[in-house]
Amino acid sequence: MLSSDKGDERSLALAITEVLGTPDGSVCGLETLGKTVFDTRRGMGFCSDFSKSFLFYANYLGFQAREVSLFNHTTVEYLNKANGRWQWLDPFNRVEIVDVAGTPLSLFQIRQTSIFDALTYRKIGTASGSFDVVKYAGYAPAQMGTILWRRGTNFLEVETWDRTMQGWGFSKSLRQAVMLAFGVQPHWLMVTTHADSFYYKTLRAMLWGAACCWLVLNLALFFVFVRMLVVRLSPGKS
């Protein structure tokens, strides 16, 4: 049973990974918070689900934690008050990265290290013995090009909105878009490389361009329709 009496933040973080089941990767994106917390204890769900469960338990135990994502892999960081530093942890694969002194690092610290710094992947708790950390695509250097920190963990507010929109028949992607647009779903703080930043800016410019073309086309069709309607309704010349 999880209890805040277990010790410092690192001990609590490791205790949470023990509570979570062995991942089977069979489902990605469980629908509700309750289902996520329950099913991840049975091993269901993927990286985002395990990270969400970790944050739920951290909030319950009273220590600070936040979602942090690489380019396509979701993980967490927790604040270790003993050294005043954020420390990265992958609750899905049960992995952390430590320096030469054996101290777990934050994802930003990991990203800032050079090829001459001796970092070590360290499996923790119930990590699978067959899991190959080095070959795992989610930790590839290219994934470190973009890091996103989620700004907030307002689970209950998000859950309330999500349930309401589920009742309206909204798809998951539409529900997420609505909550982001209205500021319910927390946004991200992003750190990226110049190359990735150029890619994102180019993509955003293309999307804005497509949106503008769509708007212009629809306005043109609207005016053509109005003109045809006016011509049809106007009295004929005598």
C-alpha atoms as a PDB file:
ATOM      1  CA  MET A   1       0.000   0.000   0.000  1.00  0.00           C
ATOM      2  CA  LEU A   2       1.289   3.447  -0.926  1.00  0.00           C
ATOM      3  CA  SER A   3       1.964   5.777   1.983  1.00  0.00           C
ATOM      4  CA  SER A   4       3.737   9.121   2.349  1.00  0.00           C
ATOM      5  CA  ASP A   5       5.535   7.607   5.359  1.00  0.00           C
ATOM      6  CA  LYS A   6       7.808   5.612   3.041  1.00  0.00           C
ATOM      7  CA  GLY A   7      10.464   8.342   2.987  1.00  0.00           C
ATOM      8  CA  ASP A   8      11.804  10.943   0.588  1.00  0.00           C
ATOM      9  CA  GLU A   9      10.541  11.729  -2.891  1.00  0.00           C
ATOM     10  CA  ARG A  10      12.827   9.233  -4.600  1.00  0.00           C
ATOM     11  CA  SER A  11      11.618   6.412  -2.352  1.00  0.00           C
ATOM     12  CA  LEU A  12       8.016   7.387  -3.060  1.00  0.00           C
ATOM     13  CA  ALA A  13       8.674   7.567  -6.812  1.00  0.00           C
ATOM     14  CA  LEU A  14      10.188   4.075  -6.814  1.00  0.00           C
ATOM     15  CA  ALA A  15       7.281   2.799  -4.682  1.00  0.00           C
ATOM     16  CA  ILE A  16       4.822   4.030  -7.325  1.00  0.00           C
ATOM     17  CA  THR A  17       6.617   2.067 -10.048  1.00  0.00           C
ATOM     18  CA  GLU A  18       6.230  -1.031  -7.870  1.00  0.00           C
ATOM     19  CA  VAL A  19       2.465  -0.474  -7.684  1.00  0.00           C
ATOM     20  CA  LEU A  20       2.105  -0.134 -11.454  1.00  0.00           C
ATOM     21  CA  GLY A  21       1.770  -3.433 -13.301  1.00  0.00           C
ATOM     22  CA  THR A  22       4.166  -4.885 -15.839  1.00  0.00           C
ATOM     23  CA  PRO A  23       3.357  -3.054 -19.105  1.00  0.00           C
ATOM     24  CA  ASP A  24       1.935  -5.103 -21.953  1.00  0.00           C
ATOM     25  CA  GLY A  25       1.548  -2.163 -24.365  1.00  0.00           C
ATOM     26  CA  SER A  26      -1.806  -3.520 -25.536  1.00  0.00           C
ATOM     27  CA  VAL A  27      -3.705  -0.213 -25.274  1.00  0.00           C
ATOM     28  CA  CYS A  28      -2.586   3.372 -25.847  1.00  0.00           C
ATOM     29  CA  GLY A  29      -4.697   6.181 -24.417  1.00  0.00           C
ATOM     30  CA  LEU A  30      -7.137   4.785 -21.850  1.00  0.00           C
ATOM     31  CA  GLU A  31     -10.351   6.813 -21.884  1.00  0.00           C
ATOM     32  CA  THR A  32     -10.792   8.040 -18.294  1.00  0.00           C
ATOM     33  CA  LEU A  33      -8.595   8.826 -15.291  1.00  0.00           C
ATOM     34  CA  GLY A  34     -10.259   6.133 -13.192  1.00  0.00           C
ATOM     35  CA  LYS A  35      -9.747   3.533 -15.900  1.00  0.00           C
ATOM     36  CA  THR A  36      -6.148   4.634 -16.391  1.00  0.00           C
ATOM     37  CA  VAL A  37      -5.259   4.342 -12.694  1.00  0.00           C
ATOM     38  CA  PHE A  38      -7.015   0.974 -12.359  1.00  0.00           C
ATOM     39  CA  ASP A  39      -5.844  -0.632 -15.603  1.00  0.00           C
ATOM     40  CA  THR A  40      -2.192   0.398 -15.349  1.00  0.00           C
ATOM     41  CA  ARG A  41      -2.008  -1.555 -12.092  1.00  0.00           C
ATOM     42  CA  ARG A  42      -2.883  -4.577 -14.220  1.00  0.00           C
ATOM     43  CA  GLY A  43      -0.264  -3.686 -16.846  1.00  0.00           C
ATOM     44  CA  MET A  44      -2.652  -2.232 -19.420  1.00  0.00           C
ATOM     45  CA  GLY A  45      -1.860   1.016 -21.192  1.00  0.00           C
ATOM     46  CA  PHE A  46       1.137   2.621 -22.786  1.00  0.00           C
ATOM     47  CA  CYS A  47       3.718   5.264 -21.808  1.00  0.00           C
ATOM     48  CA  SER A  48       1.251   8.178 -21.539  1.00  0.00           C
ATOM     49  CA  ASP A  49      -1.104   6.087 -19.388  1.00  0.00           C
ATOM     50  CA  PHE A  50       1.651   4.978 -16.988  1.00  0.00           C
ATOM     51  CA  SER A  51       2.911   8.552 -16.701  1.00  0.00           C
ATOM     52  CA  LYS A  52      -0.599   9.793 -15.948  1.00  0.00           C
ATOM     53  CA  SER A  53      -1.011   7.158 -13.239  1.00  0.00           C
ATOM     54  CA  PHE A  54       2.369   8.093 -11.765  1.00  0.00           C
ATOM     55  CA  LEU A  55       1.317  11.743 -11.569  1.00  0.00           C
ATOM     56  CA  PHE A  56      -1.976  10.775  -9.945  1.00  0.00           C
ATOM     57  CA  TYR A  57      -0.193   8.801  -7.208  1.00  0.00           C
ATOM     58  CA  ALA A  58       2.417  11.537  -6.744  1.00  0.00           C
ATOM     59  CA  ASN A  59      -0.363  14.067  -6.244  1.00  0.00           C
ATOM     60  CA  TYR A  60      -2.028  11.717  -3.761  1.00  0.00           C
ATOM     61  CA  LEU A  61       1.229  11.277  -1.815  1.00  0.00           C
ATOM     62  CA  GLY A  62       1.903  15.007  -1.783  1.00  0.00           C
ATOM     63  CA  PHE A  63       5.113  15.419  -3.765  1.00  0.00           C
ATOM     64  CA  GLN A  64       5.710  17.400  -6.931  1.00  0.00           C
ATOM     65  CA  ALA A  65       5.874  15.628 -10.266  1.00  0.00           C
ATOM     66  CA  ARG A  66       5.281  16.646 -13.859  1.00  0.00           C
ATOM     67  CA  GLU A  67       4.804  15.084 -17.266  1.00  0.00           C
ATOM     68  CA  VAL A  68       7.738  15.464 -19.618  1.00  0.00           C
ATOM     69  CA  SER A  69       7.773  14.098 -23.138  1.00  0.00           C
ATOM     70  CA  LEU A  70      10.472  13.401 -25.648  1.00  0.00           C
ATOM     71  CA  PHE A  71       9.534  13.608 -29.311  1.00  0.00           C
ATOM     72  CA  ASN A  72       7.285  10.518 -29.147  1.00  0.00           C
ATOM     73  CA  HIS A  73       7.666   9.048 -25.645  1.00  0.00           C
ATOM     74  CA  THR A  74       5.935  10.260 -22.466  1.00  0.00           C
ATOM     75  CA  THR A  75       7.739  10.116 -19.110  1.00  0.00           C
ATOM     76  CA  VAL A  76       7.810  12.031 -15.797  1.00  0.00           C
ATOM     77  CA  GLU A  77      10.059  14.062 -13.543  1.00  0.00           C
ATOM     78  CA  TYR A  78       9.722  14.485  -9.785  1.00  0.00           C
ATOM     79  CA  LEU A  79      11.208  17.114  -7.501  1.00  0.00           C
ATOM     80  CA  ASN A  80      13.663  15.617  -5.028  1.00  0.00           C
ATOM     81  CA  LYS A  81      13.714  18.067  -2.119  1.00  0.00           C
ATOM     82  CA  ALA A  82      16.838  16.401  -0.721  1.00  0.00           C
ATOM     83  CA  ASN A  83      18.954  17.977  -3.474  1.00  0.00           C
ATOM     84  CA  GLY A  84      16.461  20.500  -4.855  1.00  0.00           C
ATOM     85  CA  ARG A  85      16.553  18.975  -8.337  1.00  0.00           C
ATOM     86  CA  TRP A  86      14.081  17.507 -10.763  1.00  0.00           C
ATOM     87  CA  GLN A  87      14.866  13.877 -11.556  1.00  0.00           C
ATOM     88  CA  TRP A  88      13.698  12.027 -14.646  1.00  0.00           C
ATOM     89  CA  LEU A  89      11.993   8.650 -14.518  1.00  0.00           C
ATOM     90  CA  ASP A  90      10.311   6.455 -17.105  1.00  0.00           C
ATOM     91  CA  PRO A  91       7.488   4.664 -15.235  1.00  0.00           C
ATOM     92  CA  PHE A  92       6.593   2.631 -18.322  1.00  0.00           C
ATOM     93  CA  ASN A  93      10.004   1.008 -18.828  1.00  0.00           C
ATOM     94  CA  ARG A  94      11.248   1.503 -15.227  1.00  0.00           C
ATOM     95  CA  VAL A  95      14.389   3.367 -16.234  1.00  0.00           C
ATOM     96  CA  GLU A  96      16.295   6.407 -15.010  1.00  0.00           C
ATOM     97  CA  ILE A  97      19.532   7.997 -16.218  1.00  0.00           C
ATOM     98  CA  VAL A  98      22.296   8.748 -13.705  1.00  0.00           C
ATOM     99  CA  ASP A  99      25.624  10.577 -13.797  1.00  0.00           C
ATOM    100  CA  VAL A 100      29.009   9.190 -12.800  1.00  0.00           C
ATOM    101  CA  ALA A 101      28.134   9.719  -9.125  1.00  0.00           C
ATOM    102  CA  GLY A 102      24.925   7.696  -9.515  1.00  0.00           C
ATOM    103  CA  THR A 103      22.626  10.717  -9.164  1.00  0.00           C
ATOM    104  CA  PRO A 104      19.469  10.657 -11.314  1.00  0.00           C
ATOM    105  CA  LEU A 105      19.295  13.592 -13.725  1.00  0.00           C
ATOM    106  CA  SER A 106      16.490  15.682 -15.175  1.00  0.00           C
ATOM    107  CA  LEU A 107      15.719  15.334 -18.853  1.00  0.00           C
ATOM    108  CA  PHE A 108      17.116  18.810 -19.535  1.00  0.00           C
ATOM    109  CA  GLN A 109      20.388  17.912 -17.772  1.00  0.00           C
ATOM    110  CA  ILE A 110      20.565  14.734 -19.845  1.00  0.00           C
ATOM    111  CA  ARG A 111      20.044  16.724 -23.026  1.00  0.00           C
ATOM    112  CA  GLN A 112      22.770  19.234 -22.084  1.00  0.00           C
ATOM    113  CA  THR A 113      25.485  16.628 -21.470  1.00  0.00           C
ATOM    114  CA  SER A 114      28.242  16.105 -24.015  1.00  0.00           C
ATOM    115  CA  ILE A 115      29.526  12.849 -25.511  1.00  0.00           C
ATOM    116  CA  PHE A 116      32.350  12.963 -22.962  1.00  0.00           C
ATOM    117  CA  ASP A 117      30.004  12.789 -19.960  1.00  0.00           C
ATOM    118  CA  ALA A 118      29.582   9.292 -18.593  1.00  0.00           C
ATOM    119  CA  LEU A 119      25.841   8.693 -18.227  1.00  0.00           C
ATOM    120  CA  THR A 120      24.272   5.371 -17.365  1.00  0.00           C
ATOM    121  CA  TYR A 121      20.810   3.968 -17.978  1.00  0.00           C
ATOM    122  CA  ARG A 122      19.713   2.301 -14.761  1.00  0.00           C
ATOM    123  CA  LYS A 123      16.804  -0.109 -14.547  1.00  0.00           C
ATOM    124  CA  ILE A 124      14.749   0.103 -11.396  1.00  0.00           C
ATOM    125  CA  GLY A 125      12.308  -2.093  -9.537  1.00  0.00           C
ATOM    126  CA  THR A 126      10.301  -4.393 -11.750  1.00  0.00           C
ATOM    127  CA  ALA A 127      11.996  -3.445 -15.044  1.00  0.00           C
ATOM    128  CA  SER A 128      11.940  -6.252 -17.586  1.00  0.00           C
ATOM    129  CA  GLY A 129      15.225  -8.116 -17.800  1.00  0.00           C
ATOM    130  CA  SER A 130      14.827  -8.501 -21.549  1.00  0.00           C
ATOM    131  CA  PHE A 131      14.291  -4.775 -22.159  1.00  0.00           C
ATOM    132  CA  ASP A 132      17.220  -3.360 -24.173  1.00  0.00           C
ATOM    133  CA  VAL A 133      17.660   0.214 -22.986  1.00  0.00           C
ATOM    134  CA  VAL A 134      20.347   1.113 -25.504  1.00  0.00           C
ATOM    135  CA  LYS A 135      18.316   0.028 -28.529  1.00  0.00           C
ATOM    136  CA  TYR A 136      15.025   1.529 -27.368  1.00  0.00           C
ATOM    137  CA  ALA A 137      13.958   4.105 -29.986  1.00  0.00           C
ATOM    138  CA  GLY A 138      12.278   6.318 -27.366  1.00  0.00           C
ATOM    139  CA  TYR A 139      15.675   7.245 -25.875  1.00  0.00           C
ATOM    140  CA  ALA A 140      17.473   7.874 -29.187  1.00  0.00           C
ATOM    141  CA  PRO A 141      19.439  11.158 -29.398  1.00  0.00           C
ATOM    142  CA  ALA A 142      17.040  12.355 -32.103  1.00  0.00           C
ATOM    143  CA  GLN A 143      14.203  12.106 -29.574  1.00  0.00           C
ATOM    144  CA  MET A 144      16.057  14.502 -27.275  1.00  0.00           C
ATOM    145  CA  GLY A 145      15.794  17.236 -29.913  1.00  0.00           C
ATOM    146  CA  THR A 146      12.396  18.260 -28.558  1.00  0.00           C
ATOM    147  CA  ILE A 147      11.352  18.122 -24.910  1.00  0.00           C
ATOM    148  CA  LEU A 148       7.898  19.167 -23.705  1.00  0.00           C
ATOM    149  CA  TRP A 149       6.911  19.781 -20.100  1.00  0.00           C
ATOM    150  CA  ARG A 150       3.193  19.701 -19.349  1.00  0.00           C
ATOM    151  CA  ARG A 151       2.098  22.842 -17.475  1.00  0.00           C
ATOM    152  CA  GLY A 152      -0.187  21.465 -14.812  1.00  0.00           C
ATOM    153  CA  THR A 153      -1.877  18.318 -13.519  1.00  0.00           C
ATOM    154  CA  ASN A 154      -5.506  19.404 -13.056  1.00  0.00           C
ATOM    155  CA  PHE A 155      -6.822  15.854 -13.502  1.00  0.00           C
ATOM    156  CA  LEU A 156     -10.277  16.344 -12.029  1.00  0.00           C
ATOM    157  CA  GLU A 157     -11.137  19.442 -14.088  1.00  0.00           C
ATOM    158  CA  VAL A 158      -9.969  17.743 -17.289  1.00  0.00           C
ATOM    159  CA  GLU A 159     -11.923  14.609 -16.350  1.00  0.00           C
ATOM    160  CA  THR A 160     -15.140  16.612 -15.789  1.00  0.00           C
ATOM    161  CA  TRP A 161     -14.898  18.277 -19.183  1.00  0.00           C
ATOM    162  CA  ASP A 162     -13.928  15.017 -20.862  1.00  0.00           C
ATOM    163  CA  ARG A 163     -16.908  13.105 -19.448  1.00  0.00           C
ATOM    164  CA  THR A 164     -19.314  15.840 -20.514  1.00  0.00           C
ATOM    165  CA  MET A 165     -18.029  15.836 -24.088  1.00  0.00           C
ATOM    166  CA  GLN A 166     -18.052  12.034 -24.194  1.00  0.00           C
ATOM    167  CA  GLY A 167     -21.762  12.288 -23.456  1.00  0.00           C
ATOM    168  CA  TRP A 168     -22.102  14.538 -26.483  1.00  0.00           C
ATOM    169  CA  GLY A 169     -20.426  11.912 -28.660  1.00  0.00           C
ATOM    170  CA  PHE A 170     -17.211  13.879 -29.283  1.00  0.00           C
ATOM    171  CA  SER A 171     -14.177  11.847 -30.401  1.00  0.00           C
ATOM    172  CA  LYS A 172     -11.083  11.784 -28.189  1.00  0.00           C
ATOM    173  CA  SER A 173      -9.046  13.981 -30.541  1.00  0.00           C
ATOM    174  CA  LEU A 174     -11.873  16.544 -30.715  1.00  0.00           C
ATOM    175  CA  ARG A 175     -12.255  16.533 -26.911  1.00  0.00           C
ATOM    176  CA  GLN A 176      -8.539  17.195 -26.491  1.00  0.00           C
ATOM    177  CA  ALA A 177      -8.627  20.006 -29.071  1.00  0.00           C
ATOM    178  CA  VAL A 178     -11.572  21.681 -27.323  1.00  0.00           C
ATOM    179  CA  MET A 179      -9.909  21.486 -23.891  1.00  0.00           C
ATOM    180  CA  LEU A 180      -6.667  22.914 -25.271  1.00  0.00           C
ATOM    181  CA  ALA A 181      -8.544  25.720 -27.015  1.00  0.00           C
ATOM    182  CA  PHE A 182     -10.395  26.675 -23.807  1.00  0.00           C
ATOM    183  CA  GLY A 183      -7.289  26.366 -21.616  1.00  0.00           C
ATOM    184  CA  VAL A 184      -8.618  23.427 -19.595  1.00  0.00           C
ATOM    185  CA  GLN A 185      -5.988  20.962 -20.781  1.00  0.00           C
ATOM    186  CA  PRO A 186      -2.591  22.363 -19.704  1.00  0.00           C
ATOM    187  CA  HIS A 187      -0.315  23.446 -22.513  1.00  0.00           C
ATOM    188  CA  TRP A 188       3.397  22.634 -22.806  1.00  0.00           C
ATOM    189  CA  LEU A 189       6.710  24.365 -22.289  1.00  0.00           C
ATOM    190  CA  MET A 190       8.930  23.291 -25.186  1.00  0.00           C
ATOM    191  CA  VAL A 191      12.692  23.209 -25.593  1.00  0.00           C
ATOM    192  CA  THR A 192      13.945  22.267 -29.021  1.00  0.00           C
ATOM    193  CA  THR A 193      16.910  22.404 -31.376  1.00  0.00           C
ATOM    194  CA  HIS A 194      17.310  24.879 -34.238  1.00  0.00           C
ATOM    195  CA  ALA A 195      16.621  22.107 -36.761  1.00  0.00           C
ATOM    196  CA  ASP A 196      13.424  20.957 -35.031  1.00  0.00           C
ATOM    197  CA  SER A 197      12.364  24.561 -34.472  1.00  0.00           C
ATOM    198  CA  PHE A 198      12.683  25.244 -38.208  1.00  0.00           C
ATOM    199  CA  TYR A 199      10.602  22.131 -38.909  1.00  0.00           C
ATOM    200  CA  TYR A 200       7.838  23.228 -36.498  1.00  0.00           C
ATOM    201  CA  LYS A 201       7.783  26.768 -37.886  1.00  0.00           C
ATOM    202  CA  THR A 202       7.599  25.458 -41.446  1.00  0.00           C
ATOM    203  CA  LEU A 203       4.799  23.066 -40.518  1.00  0.00           C
ATOM    204  CA  ARG A 204       2.880  25.814 -38.727  1.00  0.00           C
ATOM    205  CA  ALA A 205       3.289  28.144 -41.720  1.00  0.00           C
ATOM    206  CA  MET A 206       1.979  25.414 -44.051  1.00  0.00           C
ATOM    207  CA  LEU A 207      -1.032  24.801 -41.800  1.00  0.00           C
ATOM    208  CA  TRP A 208      -1.821  28.517 -41.621  1.00  0.00           C
ATOM    209  CA  GLY A 209      -1.412  28.740 -45.402  1.00  0.00           C
ATOM    210  CA  ALA A 210      -3.788  25.820 -45.927  1.00  0.00           C
ATOM    211  CA  ALA A 211      -6.304  27.385 -43.526  1.00  0.00           C
ATOM    212  CA  CYS A 212      -6.129  30.731 -45.349  1.00  0.00           C
ATOM    213  CA  CYS A 213      -6.565  29.035 -48.752  1.00  0.00           C
ATOM    214  CA  TRP A 214      -9.583  27.155 -47.415  1.00  0.00           C
ATOM    215  CA  LEU A 215     -11.085  30.406 -46.080  1.00  0.00           C
ATOM    216  CA  VAL A 216     -10.487  32.314 -49.324  1.00  0.00           C
ATOM    217  CA  LEU A 217     -11.953  29.483 -51.401  1.00  0.00           C
ATOM    218  CA  ASN A 218     -15.083  29.324 -49.254  1.00  0.00           C
ATOM    219  CA  LEU A 219     -15.523  33.099 -49.355  1.00  0.00           C
ATOM    220  CA  ALA A 220     -15.177  33.043 -53.143  1.00  0.00           C
ATOM    221  CA  LEU A 221     -17.776  30.290 -53.428  1.00  0.00           C
ATOM    222  CA  PHE A 222     -20.069  32.209 -51.086  1.00  0.00           C
ATOM    223  CA  PHE A 223     -19.865  35.402 -53.182  1.00  0.00           C
ATOM    224  CA  VAL A 224     -20.408  33.420 -56.399  1.00  0.00           C
ATOM    225  CA  PHE A 225     -23.475  31.816 -54.851  1.00  0.00           C
ATOM    226  CA  VAL A 226     -24.830  35.209 -53.683  1.00  0.00           C
ATOM    227  CA  ARG A 227     -24.259  36.738 -57.111  1.00  0.00           C
ATOM    228  CA  MET A 228     -26.067  33.867 -58.838  1.00  0.00           C
ATOM    229  CA  LEU A 229     -28.940  34.190 -56.359  1.00  0.00           C
ATOM    230  CA  VAL A 230     -29.228  37.945 -56.955  1.00  0.00           C
ATOM    231  CA  VAL A 231     -29.228  37.457 -60.730  1.00  0.00           C
ATOM    232  CA  ARG A 232     -31.923  34.802 -60.501  1.00  0.00           C
ATOM    233  CA  LEU A 233     -34.175  36.881 -58.210  1.00  0.00           C
ATOM    234  CA  SER A 234     -33.771  40.189 -60.041  1.00  0.00           C
ATOM    235  CA  PRO A 235     -36.596  41.108 -62.461  1.00  0.00           C
ATOM    236  CA  GLY A 236     -35.891  40.580 -66.128  1.00  0.00           C
ATOM    237  CA  LYS A 237     -35.191  43.545 -68.362  1.00  0.00           C
ATOM    238  CA  SER A 238     -38.150  44.772 -70.362  1.00  0.00           C
END
